[in-house]
Amino acid sequence: MLNSKVKDYLILFSVAGVSVGLDQWTKMLVREHIPFGSQWLPEWLMWLSPYARFVHWSNSGAAFGMFQDGNQVFKVLAFIVIGAIIYYYPQVEKEGLFLKLALGLQLGGATGNLIDRLLNNEVTDFISVGTFPVFNIADASISVGVVVLLIGVWIQERKEKANKQIENNEQLSVDSHQ
């Protein structure tokens, strides 16, 4: 039987693995089938073309095209983030499912873009929505991970506040009976 720590890391690496796998697979498809700088949308989705499309683009900066030409800095930062997530992860409470999911998504996103940086010296981006900067699955994993983290923190704070209120009410009840 697997011990608790191994099970926890299994969750982290499973979520991250799915994120990395999907990210790298979609980037490979884009690099192989869409010429650089071109866009594509299946015929049956053409009604989306004013709002969304797939493009083949690259980025040597951070997510969503920010801080261009910072590739070396972002390689180092990715290693730091990956190390911090792996180091911090065992400290997450057993019932901290939101935090575990968020960290898995962020680990997967950081790893997916790091793979691109190490192999290609730039990150392949391909999802274009409206006027928003072009992004990829790794960027989306990081962003969704942040949202999941914020939701988890919010839920945890509400639980703690409710528990504190219950404790206060119980203490008031005990005090009033004395």
Protein backbone atom coordinates (compact mmCIF):
# COMPACT_ATOMS: atom_id res chain seq x y z
CA MET A 1 0.00 0.00 0.00
CA LEU A 2 1.27 3.46 -0.89
CA ASN A 3 2.05 5.78 1.96
CA SER A 4 0.27 9.13 2.26
CA LYS A 5 3.15 11.24 0.93
CA VAL A 6 3.50 9.11 -2.21
CA LYS A 7 -0.27 9.32 -2.83
CA ASP A 8 -0.13 13.10 -2.50
CA TYR A 9 2.75 13.37 -4.96
CA LEU A 10 0.84 11.03 -7.28
CA ILE A 11 -1.96 13.61 -7.37
CA LEU A 12 0.49 16.45 -8.06
CA PHE A 13 2.37 14.64 -10.81
CA SER A 14 -0.80 13.23 -12.39
CA VAL A 15 -2.39 16.67 -12.75
CA ALA A 16 0.91 18.15 -13.94
CA GLY A 17 1.47 15.22 -16.32
CA VAL A 18 -1.90 15.66 -18.00
CA SER A 19 -1.24 19.38 -18.36
CA VAL A 20 2.27 18.85 -19.81
CA GLY A 21 1.10 16.05 -22.11
CA LEU A 22 -1.78 18.07 -23.54
CA ASP A 23 0.41 21.17 -23.84
CA GLN A 24 3.25 19.44 -25.66
CA TRP A 25 0.92 17.44 -27.92
CA THR A 26 -1.03 20.52 -29.03
CA LYS A 27 2.17 22.52 -29.60
CA MET A 28 3.57 19.69 -31.72
CA LEU A 29 0.38 19.64 -33.81
CA VAL A 30 0.59 23.39 -34.33
CA ARG A 31 4.29 23.32 -35.30
CA GLU A 32 3.67 20.46 -37.76
CA HIS A 33 0.41 21.62 -39.37
CA ILE A 34 0.18 25.41 -39.22
CA PRO A 35 2.90 27.45 -40.93
CA PHE A 36 4.50 30.02 -38.63
CA GLY A 37 2.48 33.24 -38.60
CA SER A 38 -0.57 31.57 -40.18
CA GLN A 39 -3.95 30.87 -38.67
CA TRP A 40 -6.35 27.96 -38.90
CA LEU A 41 -9.86 27.12 -37.86
CA PRO A 42 -11.85 24.03 -38.87
CA GLU A 43 -14.62 24.74 -41.38
CA TRP A 44 -17.33 23.78 -38.89
CA LEU A 45 -16.03 26.42 -36.44
CA MET A 46 -15.67 29.27 -38.94
CA TRP A 47 -18.44 31.16 -37.17
CA LEU A 48 -15.89 31.65 -34.34
CA SER A 49 -13.29 33.26 -36.62
CA PRO A 50 -13.95 36.85 -35.59
CA TYR A 51 -13.48 35.85 -31.95
CA ALA A 52 -11.18 32.82 -31.77
CA ARG A 53 -8.74 30.92 -33.98
CA PHE A 54 -5.57 28.87 -33.86
CA VAL A 55 -2.40 30.64 -34.93
CA HIS A 56 1.22 29.55 -34.98
CA TRP A 57 3.21 32.04 -32.99
CA SER A 58 6.19 32.01 -30.67
CA ASN A 59 7.19 33.91 -27.59
CA SER A 60 10.56 34.39 -25.89
CA GLY A 61 9.03 36.15 -22.91
CA ALA A 62 6.48 35.36 -20.23
CA ALA A 63 2.89 34.20 -20.53
CA PHE A 64 0.71 36.06 -23.01
CA GLY A 65 3.70 37.65 -24.75
CA MET A 66 4.87 39.87 -21.89
CA PHE A 67 8.57 40.67 -21.32
CA GLN A 68 9.88 39.54 -24.71
CA ASP A 69 13.51 38.37 -24.98
CA GLY A 70 13.59 37.26 -21.34
CA ASN A 71 13.99 33.59 -22.24
CA GLN A 72 17.06 32.93 -20.06
CA VAL A 73 15.49 34.63 -17.04
CA PHE A 74 12.27 32.65 -17.50
CA LYS A 75 14.20 29.37 -17.74
CA VAL A 76 15.74 30.06 -14.34
CA LEU A 77 12.41 31.24 -12.88
CA ALA A 78 10.67 28.10 -14.16
CA PHE A 79 13.22 25.88 -12.40
CA ILE A 80 12.74 27.90 -9.19
CA VAL A 81 8.94 27.68 -9.40
CA ILE A 82 9.02 23.95 -10.16
CA GLY A 83 11.39 23.34 -7.24
CA ALA A 84 9.30 25.46 -4.88
CA ILE A 85 6.08 23.65 -5.80
CA ILE A 86 7.67 20.22 -5.33
CA TYR A 87 9.24 21.30 -2.02
CA TYR A 88 6.12 23.04 -0.65
CA TYR A 89 3.62 20.42 -1.78
CA PRO A 90 3.96 18.03 1.22
CA GLN A 91 2.95 20.89 3.52
CA VAL A 92 -0.50 21.13 1.93
CA GLU A 93 -3.22 19.86 4.26
CA LYS A 94 -4.81 16.52 3.37
CA GLU A 95 -8.17 18.15 2.71
CA GLY A 96 -6.56 20.93 0.63
CA LEU A 97 -7.81 19.52 -2.68
CA PHE A 98 -8.12 22.95 -4.31
CA LEU A 99 -4.53 23.80 -3.42
CA LYS A 100 -3.29 20.40 -4.63
CA LEU A 101 -5.10 20.84 -7.94
CA ALA A 102 -3.85 24.44 -8.28
CA LEU A 103 -0.25 23.43 -7.64
CA GLY A 104 -0.53 20.53 -10.12
CA LEU A 105 -1.82 22.88 -12.81
CA GLN A 106 0.88 25.44 -12.09
CA LEU A 107 3.60 22.76 -12.07
CA GLY A 108 2.33 21.42 -15.40
CA GLY A 109 2.19 24.87 -16.96
CA ALA A 110 5.66 25.85 -15.78
CA THR A 111 7.08 22.52 -16.98
CA GLY A 112 5.34 22.68 -20.37
CA ASN A 113 6.73 26.11 -21.17
CA LEU A 114 10.17 25.19 -19.74
CA ILE A 115 10.35 22.22 -22.13
CA ASP A 116 9.76 24.61 -25.04
CA ARG A 117 12.37 27.05 -23.75
CA LEU A 118 14.97 24.31 -23.33
CA LEU A 119 14.30 22.63 -26.69
CA ASN A 120 13.38 25.61 -28.90
CA ASN A 121 14.63 28.69 -27.01
CA GLU A 122 11.08 30.04 -27.27
CA VAL A 123 7.54 29.00 -26.39
CA THR A 124 4.99 28.02 -29.04
CA ASP A 125 1.69 29.88 -28.63
CA PHE A 126 -1.40 29.11 -30.67
CA ILE A 127 -4.71 30.03 -28.99
CA SER A 128 -6.01 33.39 -30.10
CA VAL A 129 -9.17 34.77 -28.53
CA GLY A 130 -10.35 38.24 -29.49
CA THR A 131 -7.70 40.87 -28.84
CA PHE A 132 -6.20 38.91 -25.92
CA PRO A 133 -2.53 37.94 -26.44
CA VAL A 134 -1.93 34.54 -28.05
CA PHE A 135 -1.35 31.80 -25.47
CA ASN A 136 -1.06 28.03 -25.06
CA ILE A 137 -2.23 25.19 -22.79
CA ALA A 138 0.67 25.74 -20.36
CA ASP A 139 -0.26 29.42 -19.95
CA ALA A 140 -3.90 28.42 -19.45
CA SER A 141 -2.87 25.80 -16.84
CA ILE A 142 -0.97 28.41 -14.87
CA SER A 143 -3.85 30.89 -15.07
CA VAL A 144 -6.52 28.32 -14.17
CA GLY A 145 -4.26 27.12 -11.35
CA VAL A 146 -4.18 30.65 -9.92
CA VAL A 147 -7.98 30.92 -10.14
CA VAL A 148 -8.41 27.50 -8.47
CA LEU A 149 -5.96 28.59 -5.76
CA LEU A 150 -7.90 31.80 -5.11
CA ILE A 151 -11.21 29.91 -4.96
CA GLY A 152 -9.68 27.38 -2.58
CA VAL A 153 -8.30 30.10 -0.30
CA TRP A 154 -11.66 31.86 -0.34
CA ILE A 155 -13.52 28.63 0.57
CA GLN A 156 -11.00 27.85 3.32
CA GLU A 157 -11.33 31.35 4.78
CA ARG A 158 -15.12 31.03 4.80
CA LYS A 159 -14.89 27.66 6.59
CA GLU A 160 -12.48 29.07 9.17
CA LYS A 161 -14.71 32.11 9.71
CA ALA A 162 -17.78 29.87 10.13
CA ASN A 163 -15.92 27.60 12.57
CA LYS A 164 -14.75 30.61 14.56
CA GLN A 165 -18.32 31.91 14.69
CA ILE A 166 -19.53 28.52 15.96
CA GLU A 167 -16.80 28.50 18.62
CA ASN A 168 -17.72 32.05 19.67
CA ASN A 169 -21.41 31.11 19.91
CA GLU A 170 -20.58 28.01 21.96
CA GLN A 171 -18.38 30.07 24.28
CA LEU A 172 -21.15 32.66 24.71
CA SER A 173 -23.58 29.85 25.53
CA VAL A 174 -21.22 28.39 28.13
CA ASP A 175 -20.57 31.82 29.64
CA SER A 176 -24.26 32.66 29.88
CA HIS A 177 -24.99 29.43 31.77
CA GLN A 178 -22.40 30.14 34.46
